[in-house]
Amino acid sequence: MIGFWTSLEGILLFANALAILNEDRFLAPRGWTLAELQGSTRNSLKGQIIGLVHACQFMRLPLILLNIIVIILKLVPV
């Protein structure tokens, strides 16, 4: 059974994976950049995913802080 803490760790790992995607190497050749989206396609599934990827890339500093907190909590015995 997956607990609440394990689910939060999984979400954090997923956000880390999205944050490290390189736009020039990985996203641009596949057409997954914000510049290639037009007004009506922003509400599509592809537009939502592109927005999520860019939001995770924008929030790198809070992700680093959350990673540090999780690592410290894992190291400290409860």
Protein backbone atom coordinates (compact mmCIF):
# COMPACT_ATOMS: atom_id res chain seq x y z
CA MET A 1 0.00 0.00 0.00
CA ILE A 2 1.33 3.40 -0.97
CA GLY A 3 1.25 5.95 1.80
CA PHE A 4 0.86 9.69 1.62
CA TRP A 5 4.58 10.37 2.17
CA THR A 6 5.56 7.91 -0.57
CA SER A 7 3.13 9.58 -2.96
CA LEU A 8 4.64 12.99 -2.21
CA GLU A 9 8.13 11.62 -2.84
CA GLY A 10 6.97 10.19 -6.16
CA ILE A 11 5.51 13.55 -7.21
CA LEU A 12 8.77 15.25 -6.22
CA LEU A 13 10.79 12.77 -8.29
CA PHE A 14 8.49 13.35 -11.27
CA ALA A 15 8.86 17.13 -10.92
CA ASN A 16 12.64 16.69 -10.79
CA ALA A 17 12.53 14.65 -13.98
CA LEU A 18 10.56 17.37 -15.77
CA ALA A 19 12.82 20.12 -14.44
CA ILE A 20 16.00 18.63 -15.91
CA LEU A 21 14.68 18.24 -19.46
CA ASN A 22 16.83 20.34 -21.77
CA GLU A 23 14.71 22.43 -24.11
CA ASP A 24 17.32 22.69 -26.87
CA ARG A 25 18.31 19.03 -26.91
CA PHE A 26 15.11 17.23 -26.05
CA LEU A 27 12.02 19.40 -26.32
CA ALA A 28 12.65 21.61 -29.37
CA PRO A 29 13.35 18.81 -31.90
CA ARG A 30 10.04 17.22 -30.93
CA GLY A 31 8.04 20.46 -31.13
CA TRP A 32 7.40 20.74 -27.38
CA THR A 33 8.31 24.38 -26.75
CA LEU A 34 6.12 27.27 -25.66
CA ALA A 35 7.09 29.21 -28.78
CA GLU A 36 5.52 26.58 -31.03
CA LEU A 37 2.17 26.66 -29.26
CA GLN A 38 -0.54 28.86 -30.65
CA GLY A 39 -3.50 30.38 -28.83
CA SER A 40 -6.06 27.61 -29.25
CA THR A 41 -3.65 24.72 -28.66
CA ARG A 42 -2.70 25.88 -25.16
CA ASN A 43 -5.79 24.17 -23.76
CA SER A 44 -5.01 20.86 -25.46
CA LEU A 45 -3.34 17.98 -23.64
CA LYS A 46 -0.03 18.72 -25.37
CA GLY A 47 -0.29 22.39 -24.35
CA GLN A 48 -1.01 21.45 -20.74
CA ILE A 49 1.97 19.09 -20.64
CA ILE A 50 4.27 21.74 -22.14
CA GLY A 51 3.04 24.22 -19.53
CA LEU A 52 3.73 21.71 -16.75
CA VAL A 53 7.27 21.08 -18.05
CA HIS A 54 8.02 24.79 -18.19
CA ALA A 55 6.50 25.39 -14.75
CA CYS A 56 8.77 22.70 -13.28
CA GLN A 57 11.78 24.24 -15.03
CA PHE A 58 10.85 27.68 -13.71
CA MET A 59 10.49 26.40 -10.13
CA ARG A 60 13.95 24.81 -9.88
CA LEU A 61 14.99 26.64 -6.71
CA PRO A 62 11.95 25.51 -4.70
CA LEU A 63 12.52 21.98 -6.04
CA ILE A 64 16.10 22.09 -4.77
CA LEU A 65 14.90 23.20 -1.35
CA LEU A 66 12.24 20.47 -1.25
CA ASN A 67 14.85 17.88 -2.23
CA ILE A 68 17.12 19.04 0.61
CA ILE A 69 14.24 18.79 3.09
CA VAL A 70 13.31 15.30 1.92
CA ILE A 71 16.94 14.12 2.09
CA ILE A 72 17.32 15.49 5.63
CA LEU A 73 14.07 13.83 6.71
CA LYS A 74 15.25 10.53 5.23
CA LEU A 75 18.59 10.77 7.07
CA VAL A 76 17.12 11.67 10.48
CA PRO A 77 15.69 8.58 12.18
CA VAL A 78 12.15 9.00 13.43
